[in-house]
Amino acid sequence: MLPILVDGPAVEPVALPEMRAYLRVDGEAEDELIAGLVRAARLIVEASSRRILVASRWRLVLDRWPSERIIHLPLSPLLSVERIAVAASGGPQEVPPAAYTADRVSDPPRIVVGPEAPDPVEARAGIAIELVAGFGDAPDAVPEPLRLAVKMMVARWFENRGDIAGEQNLPMDALALVMPFRRARV
């Protein structure tokens, strides 16, 4: 079950004026570069922490319900489950919210599906789950250590333009900020 990004974050975890101030950059000549670096740093911090920083809409597709009817979600933190639909002969059939419970507290978050939820008719891609994951809608919802890790990555790339080819790992100081938030892999 691979997550499919439906709608990315409306804002970045670090606003452009804030990042400009952190870099001590006057003027707007470098804004496009800085915004691109913030996006890239967010993606690396998300990959390293295995957490989504700012609220984004995702879709998960399953062939069938797991045997225990517990779906362990690959995205964290879970904000909400927007919709679950199963493939039916007449088209997608909505699963009523009363037929499942979203457990946002457990790590990884999970969805517990009740026996009243219909089974998909189609064998492949029979269940579609749409959800919103992230710490929140605004940059201040993101924990400060993760925001600082983004700033540190951007500053490193901005100051060493062209000198660090293809670096996709967090430097040790930024990694130390991310480690307490890192989701364990099984």
N, C-alpha and C. Protein backbone atom coordinates (compact mmCIF):
# COMPACT_ATOMS: atom_id res chain seq x y z
N MET A 1 0.85 -1.16 0.00
CA MET A 1 0.00 0.00 0.00
C MET A 1 0.90 1.23 0.00
N LEU A 2 1.03 1.82 -1.16
CA LEU A 2 1.83 3.03 -1.28
C LEU A 2 0.92 4.25 -1.25
N PRO A 3 1.29 5.24 -0.45
CA PRO A 3 0.48 6.46 -0.42
C PRO A 3 0.64 7.26 -1.71
N ILE A 4 -0.46 7.83 -2.16
CA ILE A 4 -0.46 8.66 -3.36
C ILE A 4 -0.83 10.07 -2.92
N LEU A 5 0.04 11.02 -3.19
CA LEU A 5 -0.24 12.41 -2.83
C LEU A 5 -1.33 12.96 -3.74
N VAL A 6 -2.42 13.42 -3.15
CA VAL A 6 -3.54 13.98 -3.91
C VAL A 6 -3.42 15.50 -3.94
N ASP A 7 -3.13 16.09 -2.80
CA ASP A 7 -3.06 17.54 -2.68
C ASP A 7 -2.00 17.88 -1.65
N GLY A 8 -0.91 18.50 -2.09
CA GLY A 8 0.19 18.83 -1.20
C GLY A 8 -0.16 19.93 -0.22
N PRO A 9 0.78 20.28 0.63
CA PRO A 9 0.51 21.29 1.65
C PRO A 9 0.26 22.66 1.03
N ALA A 10 -0.63 23.41 1.66
CA ALA A 10 -0.94 24.76 1.20
C ALA A 10 0.18 25.73 1.55
N VAL A 11 0.91 25.43 2.61
CA VAL A 11 2.04 26.26 3.05
C VAL A 11 3.22 25.35 3.36
N GLU A 12 4.37 25.95 3.45
CA GLU A 12 5.57 25.21 3.85
C GLU A 12 5.77 25.39 5.35
N PRO A 13 6.54 24.52 6.01
CA PRO A 13 6.73 24.64 7.45
C PRO A 13 7.50 25.89 7.86
N VAL A 14 8.21 26.48 6.92
CA VAL A 14 8.93 27.73 7.18
C VAL A 14 8.52 28.71 6.10
N ALA A 15 7.94 29.83 6.51
CA ALA A 15 7.49 30.85 5.56
C ALA A 15 8.69 31.55 4.94
N LEU A 16 8.51 32.04 3.74
CA LEU A 16 9.59 32.70 3.01
C LEU A 16 10.20 33.88 3.77
N PRO A 17 9.41 34.81 4.34
CA PRO A 17 10.03 35.91 5.09
C PRO A 17 10.85 35.41 6.30
N GLU A 18 10.35 34.37 6.96
CA GLU A 18 11.07 33.80 8.10
C GLU A 18 12.39 33.19 7.65
N MET A 19 12.36 32.49 6.51
CA MET A 19 13.59 31.86 6.00
C MET A 19 14.56 32.92 5.53
N ARG A 20 14.05 33.98 4.91
CA ARG A 20 14.91 35.07 4.47
C ARG A 20 15.61 35.71 5.67
N ALA A 21 14.88 35.90 6.76
CA ALA A 21 15.46 36.48 7.98
C ALA A 21 16.51 35.54 8.57
N TYR A 22 16.22 34.23 8.58
CA TYR A 22 17.18 33.24 9.11
C TYR A 22 18.48 33.27 8.30
N LEU A 23 18.35 33.43 6.99
CA LEU A 23 19.53 33.46 6.12
C LEU A 23 20.21 34.83 6.08
N ARG A 24 19.53 35.84 6.68
CA ARG A 24 20.01 37.23 6.65
C ARG A 24 20.13 37.73 5.22
N VAL A 25 19.08 37.46 4.44
CA VAL A 25 19.03 37.90 3.05
C VAL A 25 18.08 39.09 2.96
N ASP A 26 18.59 40.19 2.42
CA ASP A 26 17.75 41.37 2.19
C ASP A 26 17.26 41.32 0.75
N GLY A 27 16.07 41.77 0.53
CA GLY A 27 15.53 41.81 -0.82
C GLY A 27 14.90 40.48 -1.22
N GLU A 28 14.30 40.53 -2.41
CA GLU A 28 13.51 39.40 -2.88
C GLU A 28 14.13 38.71 -4.09
N ALA A 29 15.36 39.05 -4.43
CA ALA A 29 15.99 38.51 -5.64
C ALA A 29 16.18 36.99 -5.57
N GLU A 30 16.39 36.46 -4.38
CA GLU A 30 16.65 35.03 -4.21
C GLU A 30 15.42 34.24 -3.77
N ASP A 31 14.23 34.86 -3.80
CA ASP A 31 13.02 34.22 -3.27
C ASP A 31 12.69 32.89 -3.93
N GLU A 32 12.81 32.80 -5.24
CA GLU A 32 12.48 31.56 -5.94
C GLU A 32 13.42 30.43 -5.50
N LEU A 33 14.68 30.73 -5.40
CA LEU A 33 15.66 29.74 -4.95
C LEU A 33 15.37 29.30 -3.51
N ILE A 34 15.14 30.27 -2.64
CA ILE A 34 14.89 29.95 -1.23
C ILE A 34 13.62 29.12 -1.08
N ALA A 35 12.56 29.47 -1.80
CA ALA A 35 11.31 28.69 -1.73
C ALA A 35 11.53 27.26 -2.20
N GLY A 36 12.29 27.08 -3.26
CA GLY A 36 12.61 25.74 -3.75
C GLY A 36 13.43 24.95 -2.75
N LEU A 37 14.38 25.61 -2.10
CA LEU A 37 15.19 24.93 -1.08
C LEU A 37 14.36 24.53 0.13
N VAL A 38 13.40 25.37 0.52
CA VAL A 38 12.51 25.03 1.64
C VAL A 38 11.69 23.79 1.30
N ARG A 39 11.15 23.74 0.08
CA ARG A 39 10.38 22.56 -0.34
C ARG A 39 11.25 21.30 -0.30
N ALA A 40 12.45 21.40 -0.85
CA ALA A 40 13.35 20.24 -0.88
C ALA A 40 13.73 19.82 0.53
N ALA A 41 14.02 20.77 1.40
CA ALA A 41 14.39 20.44 2.78
C ALA A 41 13.22 19.80 3.51
N ARG A 42 12.00 20.30 3.28
CA ARG A 42 10.82 19.69 3.90
C ARG A 42 10.70 18.23 3.50
N LEU A 43 10.88 17.95 2.22
CA LEU A 43 10.77 16.57 1.74
C LEU A 43 11.82 15.66 2.39
N ILE A 44 13.03 16.16 2.56
CA ILE A 44 14.08 15.35 3.18
C ILE A 44 13.80 15.15 4.66
N VAL A 45 13.34 16.18 5.36
CA VAL A 45 13.00 16.03 6.78
C VAL A 45 11.82 15.07 6.93
N GLU A 46 10.84 15.15 6.03
CA GLU A 46 9.71 14.21 6.09
C GLU A 46 10.19 12.78 5.85
N ALA A 47 11.07 12.58 4.89
CA ALA A 47 11.58 11.24 4.61
C ALA A 47 12.41 10.70 5.77
N SER A 48 13.19 11.56 6.38
CA SER A 48 14.03 11.12 7.49
C SER A 48 13.23 10.83 8.74
N SER A 49 12.24 11.68 9.03
CA SER A 49 11.43 11.50 10.24
C SER A 49 10.30 10.51 10.03
N ARG A 50 9.97 10.26 8.76
CA ARG A 50 8.83 9.41 8.39
C ARG A 50 7.52 10.00 8.92
N ARG A 51 7.46 11.33 8.89
CA ARG A 51 6.27 12.06 9.32
C ARG A 51 6.00 13.16 8.30
N ILE A 52 4.72 13.46 8.10
CA ILE A 52 4.32 14.54 7.21
C ILE A 52 4.28 15.81 8.05
N LEU A 53 4.94 16.87 7.59
CA LEU A 53 5.03 18.08 8.41
C LEU A 53 3.76 18.93 8.35
N VAL A 54 3.31 19.28 7.16
CA VAL A 54 2.15 20.16 7.01
C VAL A 54 1.03 19.37 6.34
N ALA A 55 -0.20 19.62 6.77
CA ALA A 55 -1.36 18.85 6.30
C ALA A 55 -1.38 18.71 4.78
N SER A 56 -1.50 17.45 4.35
CA SER A 56 -1.58 17.11 2.93
C SER A 56 -2.64 16.03 2.77
N ARG A 57 -3.28 16.00 1.61
CA ARG A 57 -4.32 14.99 1.33
C ARG A 57 -3.67 13.84 0.57
N TRP A 58 -3.96 12.61 1.02
CA TRP A 58 -3.37 11.40 0.46
C TRP A 58 -4.45 10.38 0.13
N ARG A 59 -4.12 9.45 -0.78
CA ARG A 59 -5.00 8.33 -1.10
C ARG A 59 -4.20 7.04 -0.95
N LEU A 60 -4.84 6.06 -0.33
CA LEU A 60 -4.27 4.72 -0.21
C LEU A 60 -5.22 3.76 -0.91
N VAL A 61 -4.67 2.79 -1.60
CA VAL A 61 -5.49 1.82 -2.32
C VAL A 61 -5.10 0.42 -1.85
N LEU A 62 -6.13 -0.36 -1.49
CA LEU A 62 -5.95 -1.74 -1.05
C LEU A 62 -6.74 -2.67 -1.96
N ASP A 63 -6.29 -3.90 -2.09
CA ASP A 63 -7.04 -4.90 -2.85
C ASP A 63 -8.22 -5.42 -2.04
N ARG A 64 -7.99 -5.61 -0.74
CA ARG A 64 -9.02 -6.16 0.14
C ARG A 64 -8.73 -5.72 1.56
N TRP A 65 -9.68 -5.95 2.46
CA TRP A 65 -9.47 -5.64 3.87
C TRP A 65 -8.42 -6.59 4.42
N PRO A 66 -7.53 -6.12 5.31
CA PRO A 66 -6.62 -7.05 5.99
C PRO A 66 -7.42 -8.07 6.81
N SER A 67 -6.83 -9.21 7.10
CA SER A 67 -7.56 -10.29 7.78
C SER A 67 -8.14 -9.83 9.12
N GLU A 68 -7.43 -9.01 9.87
CA GLU A 68 -7.96 -8.54 11.16
C GLU A 68 -8.79 -7.27 11.01
N ARG A 69 -8.87 -6.77 9.79
CA ARG A 69 -9.58 -5.53 9.49
C ARG A 69 -8.98 -4.33 10.23
N ILE A 70 -7.67 -4.39 10.41
CA ILE A 70 -6.93 -3.26 10.98
C ILE A 70 -5.94 -2.81 9.91
N ILE A 71 -6.05 -1.56 9.50
CA ILE A 71 -5.17 -1.00 8.48
C ILE A 71 -4.16 -0.11 9.16
N HIS A 72 -2.89 -0.52 9.15
CA HIS A 72 -1.81 0.30 9.71
C HIS A 72 -1.38 1.27 8.61
N LEU A 73 -1.54 2.54 8.89
CA LEU A 73 -1.29 3.57 7.87
C LEU A 73 0.19 3.91 7.77
N PRO A 74 0.69 4.08 6.54
CA PRO A 74 2.09 4.44 6.36
C PRO A 74 2.37 5.92 6.53
N LEU A 75 1.36 6.71 6.85
CA LEU A 75 1.50 8.16 7.00
C LEU A 75 1.20 8.57 8.43
N SER A 76 1.99 9.48 8.95
CA SER A 76 1.80 9.93 10.32
C SER A 76 2.25 11.39 10.40
N PRO A 77 1.69 12.18 11.27
CA PRO A 77 0.50 11.95 12.09
C PRO A 77 -0.77 12.05 11.25
N LEU A 78 -1.78 11.31 11.66
CA LEU A 78 -3.06 11.30 10.98
C LEU A 78 -3.93 12.42 11.53
N LEU A 79 -4.43 13.26 10.64
CA LEU A 79 -5.37 14.31 11.05
C LEU A 79 -6.80 13.85 10.91
N SER A 80 -7.13 13.24 9.77
CA SER A 80 -8.51 12.77 9.57
C SER A 80 -8.58 11.78 8.43
N VAL A 81 -9.60 10.93 8.49
CA VAL A 81 -9.95 10.05 7.38
C VAL A 81 -11.13 10.73 6.69
N GLU A 82 -10.93 11.14 5.47
CA GLU A 82 -11.94 11.88 4.74
C GLU A 82 -13.01 10.98 4.13
N ARG A 83 -12.55 9.81 3.63
CA ARG A 83 -13.48 8.97 2.90
C ARG A 83 -12.88 7.58 2.72
N ILE A 84 -13.73 6.56 2.80
CA ILE A 84 -13.36 5.21 2.42
C ILE A 84 -14.43 4.71 1.47
N ALA A 85 -14.01 4.17 0.34
CA ALA A 85 -14.94 3.64 -0.64
C ALA A 85 -14.46 2.27 -1.09
N VAL A 86 -15.40 1.37 -1.34
CA VAL A 86 -15.08 0.04 -1.86
C VAL A 86 -15.67 -0.11 -3.25
N ALA A 87 -15.00 -0.90 -4.07
CA ALA A 87 -15.48 -1.15 -5.43
C ALA A 87 -16.72 -2.03 -5.36
N ALA A 88 -17.79 -1.57 -5.97
CA ALA A 88 -19.04 -2.32 -6.03
C ALA A 88 -19.46 -2.44 -7.49
N SER A 89 -20.40 -3.30 -7.76
CA SER A 89 -20.82 -3.54 -9.14
C SER A 89 -21.39 -2.28 -9.79
N GLY A 90 -22.04 -1.42 -9.04
CA GLY A 90 -22.62 -0.19 -9.59
C GLY A 90 -21.71 1.01 -9.48
N GLY A 91 -20.48 0.82 -9.11
CA GLY A 91 -19.54 1.92 -8.91
C GLY A 91 -19.10 1.95 -7.46
N PRO A 92 -18.24 2.91 -7.08
CA PRO A 92 -17.74 2.97 -5.71
C PRO A 92 -18.86 3.12 -4.69
N GLN A 93 -18.75 2.38 -3.62
CA GLN A 93 -19.73 2.46 -2.54
C GLN A 93 -19.04 3.02 -1.30
N GLU A 94 -19.58 4.12 -0.78
CA GLU A 94 -19.01 4.76 0.41
C GLU A 94 -19.17 3.87 1.63
N VAL A 95 -18.13 3.80 2.43
CA VAL A 95 -18.22 3.12 3.72
C VAL A 95 -18.63 4.18 4.73
N PRO A 96 -19.74 3.98 5.43
CA PRO A 96 -20.17 5.01 6.38
C PRO A 96 -19.17 5.16 7.52
N PRO A 97 -18.95 6.39 8.01
CA PRO A 97 -18.00 6.62 9.09
C PRO A 97 -18.26 5.77 10.33
N ALA A 98 -19.51 5.36 10.55
CA ALA A 98 -19.82 4.51 11.71
C ALA A 98 -19.25 3.10 11.56
N ALA A 99 -18.83 2.73 10.35
CA ALA A 99 -18.32 1.37 10.10
C ALA A 99 -16.81 1.26 10.32
N TYR A 100 -16.15 2.36 10.68
CA TYR A 100 -14.71 2.31 10.95
C TYR A 100 -14.35 3.33 12.02
N THR A 101 -13.21 3.08 12.63
CA THR A 101 -12.68 3.99 13.65
C THR A 101 -11.25 4.35 13.28
N ALA A 102 -10.95 5.63 13.26
CA ALA A 102 -9.59 6.09 13.00
C ALA A 102 -8.88 6.27 14.34
N ASP A 103 -7.82 5.51 14.52
CA ASP A 103 -7.01 5.60 15.74
C ASP A 103 -5.83 6.50 15.44
N ARG A 104 -5.96 7.77 15.78
CA ARG A 104 -4.91 8.76 15.50
C ARG A 104 -3.80 8.74 16.53
N VAL A 105 -4.02 8.11 17.67
CA VAL A 105 -3.06 8.15 18.77
C VAL A 105 -1.95 7.13 18.59
N SER A 106 -2.28 5.95 18.09
CA SER A 106 -1.26 4.91 17.95
C SER A 106 -0.23 5.31 16.89
N ASP A 107 0.93 4.70 16.99
CA ASP A 107 2.00 4.99 16.05
C ASP A 107 2.53 3.68 15.50
N PRO A 108 2.25 3.29 14.28
CA PRO A 108 1.60 4.10 13.26
C PRO A 108 0.11 4.22 13.50
N PRO A 109 -0.49 5.30 12.97
CA PRO A 109 -1.94 5.42 13.09
C PRO A 109 -2.61 4.27 12.34
N ARG A 110 -3.83 3.99 12.72
CA ARG A 110 -4.51 2.87 12.08
C ARG A 110 -6.00 3.14 11.96
N ILE A 111 -6.60 2.36 11.08
CA ILE A 111 -8.05 2.39 10.90
C ILE A 111 -8.55 0.99 11.23
N VAL A 112 -9.50 0.93 12.14
CA VAL A 112 -10.12 -0.34 12.50
C VAL A 112 -11.48 -0.37 11.81
N VAL A 113 -11.65 -1.37 10.94
CA VAL A 113 -12.86 -1.47 10.13
C VAL A 113 -13.79 -2.52 10.74
N GLY A 114 -15.04 -2.13 10.94
CA GLY A 114 -16.02 -3.04 11.52
C GLY A 114 -16.55 -4.04 10.50
N PRO A 115 -17.22 -5.09 11.01
CA PRO A 115 -17.74 -6.13 10.11
C PRO A 115 -18.86 -5.63 9.20
N GLU A 116 -19.48 -4.51 9.53
CA GLU A 116 -20.56 -3.98 8.70
C GLU A 116 -20.06 -3.29 7.43
N ALA A 117 -18.75 -3.04 7.35
CA ALA A 117 -18.19 -2.44 6.13
C ALA A 117 -18.23 -3.46 5.01
N PRO A 118 -18.71 -3.06 3.83
CA PRO A 118 -18.83 -4.03 2.73
C PRO A 118 -17.48 -4.48 2.20
N ASP A 119 -17.43 -5.68 1.69
CA ASP A 119 -16.23 -6.19 1.03
C ASP A 119 -16.24 -5.71 -0.41
N PRO A 120 -15.06 -5.44 -0.98
CA PRO A 120 -15.03 -4.98 -2.37
C PRO A 120 -15.40 -6.11 -3.33
N VAL A 121 -16.07 -5.74 -4.41
CA VAL A 121 -16.44 -6.70 -5.45
C VAL A 121 -15.23 -6.96 -6.35
N GLU A 122 -14.51 -5.90 -6.69
CA GLU A 122 -13.33 -6.02 -7.54
C GLU A 122 -12.18 -6.63 -6.75
N ALA A 123 -11.36 -7.43 -7.40
CA ALA A 123 -10.24 -8.08 -6.72
C ALA A 123 -9.04 -7.14 -6.59
N ARG A 124 -8.84 -6.25 -7.55
CA ARG A 124 -7.69 -5.36 -7.51
C ARG A 124 -8.16 -3.92 -7.28
N ALA A 125 -7.42 -3.22 -6.46
CA ALA A 125 -7.72 -1.81 -6.15
C ALA A 125 -9.17 -1.67 -5.71
N GLY A 126 -9.59 -2.53 -4.81
CA GLY A 126 -10.98 -2.56 -4.39
C GLY A 126 -11.35 -1.59 -3.30
N ILE A 127 -10.36 -1.04 -2.60
CA ILE A 127 -10.65 -0.14 -1.48
C ILE A 127 -9.80 1.12 -1.65
N ALA A 128 -10.43 2.28 -1.59
CA ALA A 128 -9.72 3.56 -1.66
C ALA A 128 -9.97 4.32 -0.37
N ILE A 129 -8.89 4.76 0.25
CA ILE A 129 -8.96 5.52 1.49
C ILE A 129 -8.36 6.90 1.23
N GLU A 130 -9.12 7.94 1.51
CA GLU A 130 -8.60 9.29 1.39
C GLU A 130 -8.47 9.87 2.79
N LEU A 131 -7.29 10.42 3.07
CA LEU A 131 -7.02 10.94 4.41
C LEU A 131 -6.16 12.18 4.36
N VAL A 132 -6.11 12.85 5.49
CA VAL A 132 -5.26 14.03 5.64
C VAL A 132 -4.25 13.71 6.73
N ALA A 133 -2.97 13.88 6.39
CA ALA A 133 -1.89 13.61 7.34
C ALA A 133 -1.03 14.86 7.47
N GLY A 134 -0.44 15.03 8.63
CA GLY A 134 0.43 16.17 8.91
C GLY A 134 0.22 16.64 10.33
N PHE A 135 1.08 17.52 10.79
CA PHE A 135 0.94 18.06 12.14
C PHE A 135 -0.18 19.09 12.22
N GLY A 136 -0.50 19.74 11.11
CA GLY A 136 -1.55 20.75 11.09
C GLY A 136 -1.49 21.55 9.81
N ASP A 137 -2.40 22.53 9.69
CA ASP A 137 -2.50 23.33 8.47
C ASP A 137 -1.51 24.50 8.41
N ALA A 138 -0.99 24.89 9.54
CA ALA A 138 -0.15 26.09 9.60
C ALA A 138 1.28 25.72 9.99
N PRO A 139 2.25 26.55 9.61
CA PRO A 139 3.63 26.28 9.98
C PRO A 139 3.86 26.16 11.49
N ASP A 140 3.11 26.92 12.29
CA ASP A 140 3.34 26.85 13.74
C ASP A 140 2.81 25.56 14.36
N ALA A 141 2.09 24.73 13.59
CA ALA A 141 1.65 23.42 14.09
C ALA A 141 2.79 22.40 14.04
N VAL A 142 3.79 22.67 13.22
CA VAL A 142 4.94 21.77 13.08
C VAL A 142 5.86 21.97 14.28
N PRO A 143 6.29 20.87 14.92
CA PRO A 143 7.20 21.03 16.07
C PRO A 143 8.44 21.83 15.69
N GLU A 144 8.84 22.69 16.59
CA GLU A 144 9.96 23.60 16.33
C GLU A 144 11.27 22.90 15.94
N PRO A 145 11.63 21.76 16.55
CA PRO A 145 12.87 21.10 16.11
C PRO A 145 12.83 20.69 14.63
N LEU A 146 11.68 20.27 14.12
CA LEU A 146 11.59 19.89 12.71
C LEU A 146 11.66 21.12 11.81
N ARG A 147 11.07 22.22 12.26
CA ARG A 147 11.18 23.47 11.49
C ARG A 147 12.64 23.95 11.47
N LEU A 148 13.32 23.82 12.59
CA LEU A 148 14.72 24.22 12.66
C LEU A 148 15.59 23.34 11.76
N ALA A 149 15.28 22.05 11.68
CA ALA A 149 16.02 21.15 10.78
C ALA A 149 15.85 21.60 9.33
N VAL A 150 14.64 22.02 8.95
CA VAL A 150 14.40 22.54 7.60
C VAL A 150 15.26 23.78 7.39
N LYS A 151 15.25 24.70 8.34
CA LYS A 151 16.04 25.92 8.22
C LYS A 151 17.53 25.62 8.07
N MET A 152 18.02 24.66 8.85
CA MET A 152 19.44 24.31 8.79
C MET A 152 19.82 23.72 7.43
N MET A 153 18.95 22.89 6.88
CA MET A 153 19.21 22.33 5.55
C MET A 153 19.25 23.43 4.50
N VAL A 154 18.27 24.32 4.54
CA VAL A 154 18.22 25.41 3.57
C VAL A 154 19.46 26.28 3.70
N ALA A 155 19.85 26.62 4.91
CA ALA A 155 21.03 27.47 5.12
C ALA A 155 22.28 26.78 4.58
N ARG A 156 22.40 25.50 4.81
CA ARG A 156 23.57 24.75 4.33
C ARG A 156 23.63 24.77 2.81
N TRP A 157 22.49 24.50 2.17
CA TRP A 157 22.46 24.49 0.71
C TRP A 157 22.65 25.89 0.14
N PHE A 158 22.06 26.89 0.78
CA PHE A 158 22.13 28.26 0.28
C PHE A 158 23.57 28.77 0.35
N GLU A 159 24.27 28.46 1.44
CA GLU A 159 25.63 28.95 1.63
C GLU A 159 26.65 28.18 0.79
N ASN A 160 26.33 26.95 0.43
CA ASN A 160 27.27 26.11 -0.29
C ASN A 160 26.75 25.75 -1.68
N ARG A 161 26.13 26.70 -2.35
CA ARG A 161 25.55 26.43 -3.66
C ARG A 161 26.59 25.89 -4.62
N GLY A 162 26.29 24.73 -5.20
CA GLY A 162 27.19 24.13 -6.17
C GLY A 162 28.31 23.32 -5.56
N ASP A 163 28.53 23.45 -4.24
CA ASP A 163 29.62 22.73 -3.60
C ASP A 163 29.20 21.37 -3.06
N ILE A 164 27.91 21.19 -2.82
CA ILE A 164 27.41 19.93 -2.25
C ILE A 164 26.54 19.28 -3.32
N ALA A 165 27.15 18.44 -4.12
CA ALA A 165 26.44 17.83 -5.24
C ALA A 165 25.63 16.62 -4.78
N GLY A 166 24.35 16.67 -5.04
CA GLY A 166 23.50 15.52 -4.82
C GLY A 166 23.30 15.09 -3.38
N GLU A 167 23.57 15.97 -2.42
CA GLU A 167 23.39 15.59 -1.01
C GLU A 167 21.91 15.46 -0.69
N GLN A 168 21.53 14.29 -0.19
CA GLN A 168 20.14 14.05 0.14
C GLN A 168 19.97 13.56 1.57
N ASN A 169 21.02 13.63 2.35
CA ASN A 169 20.95 13.21 3.74
C ASN A 169 21.01 14.43 4.65
N LEU A 170 20.46 14.26 5.83
CA LEU A 170 20.52 15.33 6.81
C LEU A 170 21.91 15.39 7.42
N PRO A 171 22.47 16.60 7.60
CA PRO A 171 23.72 16.71 8.35
C PRO A 171 23.46 16.31 9.81
N MET A 172 24.49 15.97 10.53
CA MET A 172 24.35 15.43 11.88
C MET A 172 23.58 16.36 12.82
N ASP A 173 23.82 17.66 12.74
CA ASP A 173 23.09 18.57 13.64
C ASP A 173 21.60 18.59 13.35
N ALA A 174 21.21 18.55 12.08
CA ALA A 174 19.79 18.50 11.72
C ALA A 174 19.20 17.13 12.05
N LEU A 175 19.97 16.07 11.84
CA LEU A 175 19.51 14.73 12.16
C LEU A 175 19.22 14.58 13.66
N ALA A 176 20.04 15.23 14.48
CA ALA A 176 19.81 15.19 15.93
C ALA A 176 18.46 15.82 16.30
N LEU A 177 18.04 16.82 15.55
CA LEU A 177 16.74 17.46 15.80
C LEU A 177 15.58 16.57 15.34
N VAL A 178 15.80 15.79 14.31
CA VAL A 178 14.75 14.94 13.74
C VAL A 178 14.58 13.64 14.51
N MET A 179 15.64 13.10 15.07
CA MET A 179 15.62 11.77 15.69
C MET A 179 14.49 11.55 16.72
N PRO A 180 14.19 12.49 17.59
CA PRO A 180 13.10 12.22 18.55
C PRO A 180 11.73 12.03 17.89
N PHE A 181 11.57 12.50 16.66
CA PHE A 181 10.29 12.40 15.95
C PHE A 181 10.25 11.21 14.99
N ARG A 182 11.38 10.56 14.82
CA ARG A 182 11.49 9.51 13.82
C ARG A 182 10.59 8.33 14.15
N ARG A 183 9.81 7.92 13.16
CA ARG A 183 8.93 6.77 13.29
C ARG A 183 9.72 5.52 13.02
N ALA A 184 9.61 4.56 13.90
CA ALA A 184 10.34 3.30 13.72
C ALA A 184 9.75 2.53 12.55
N ARG A 185 10.62 1.82 11.84
CA ARG A 185 10.17 0.93 10.77
C ARG A 185 10.16 -0.49 11.28
N VAL A 186 9.20 -1.23 10.80
CA VAL A 186 9.09 -2.62 11.24
C VAL A 186 9.68 -3.52 10.19
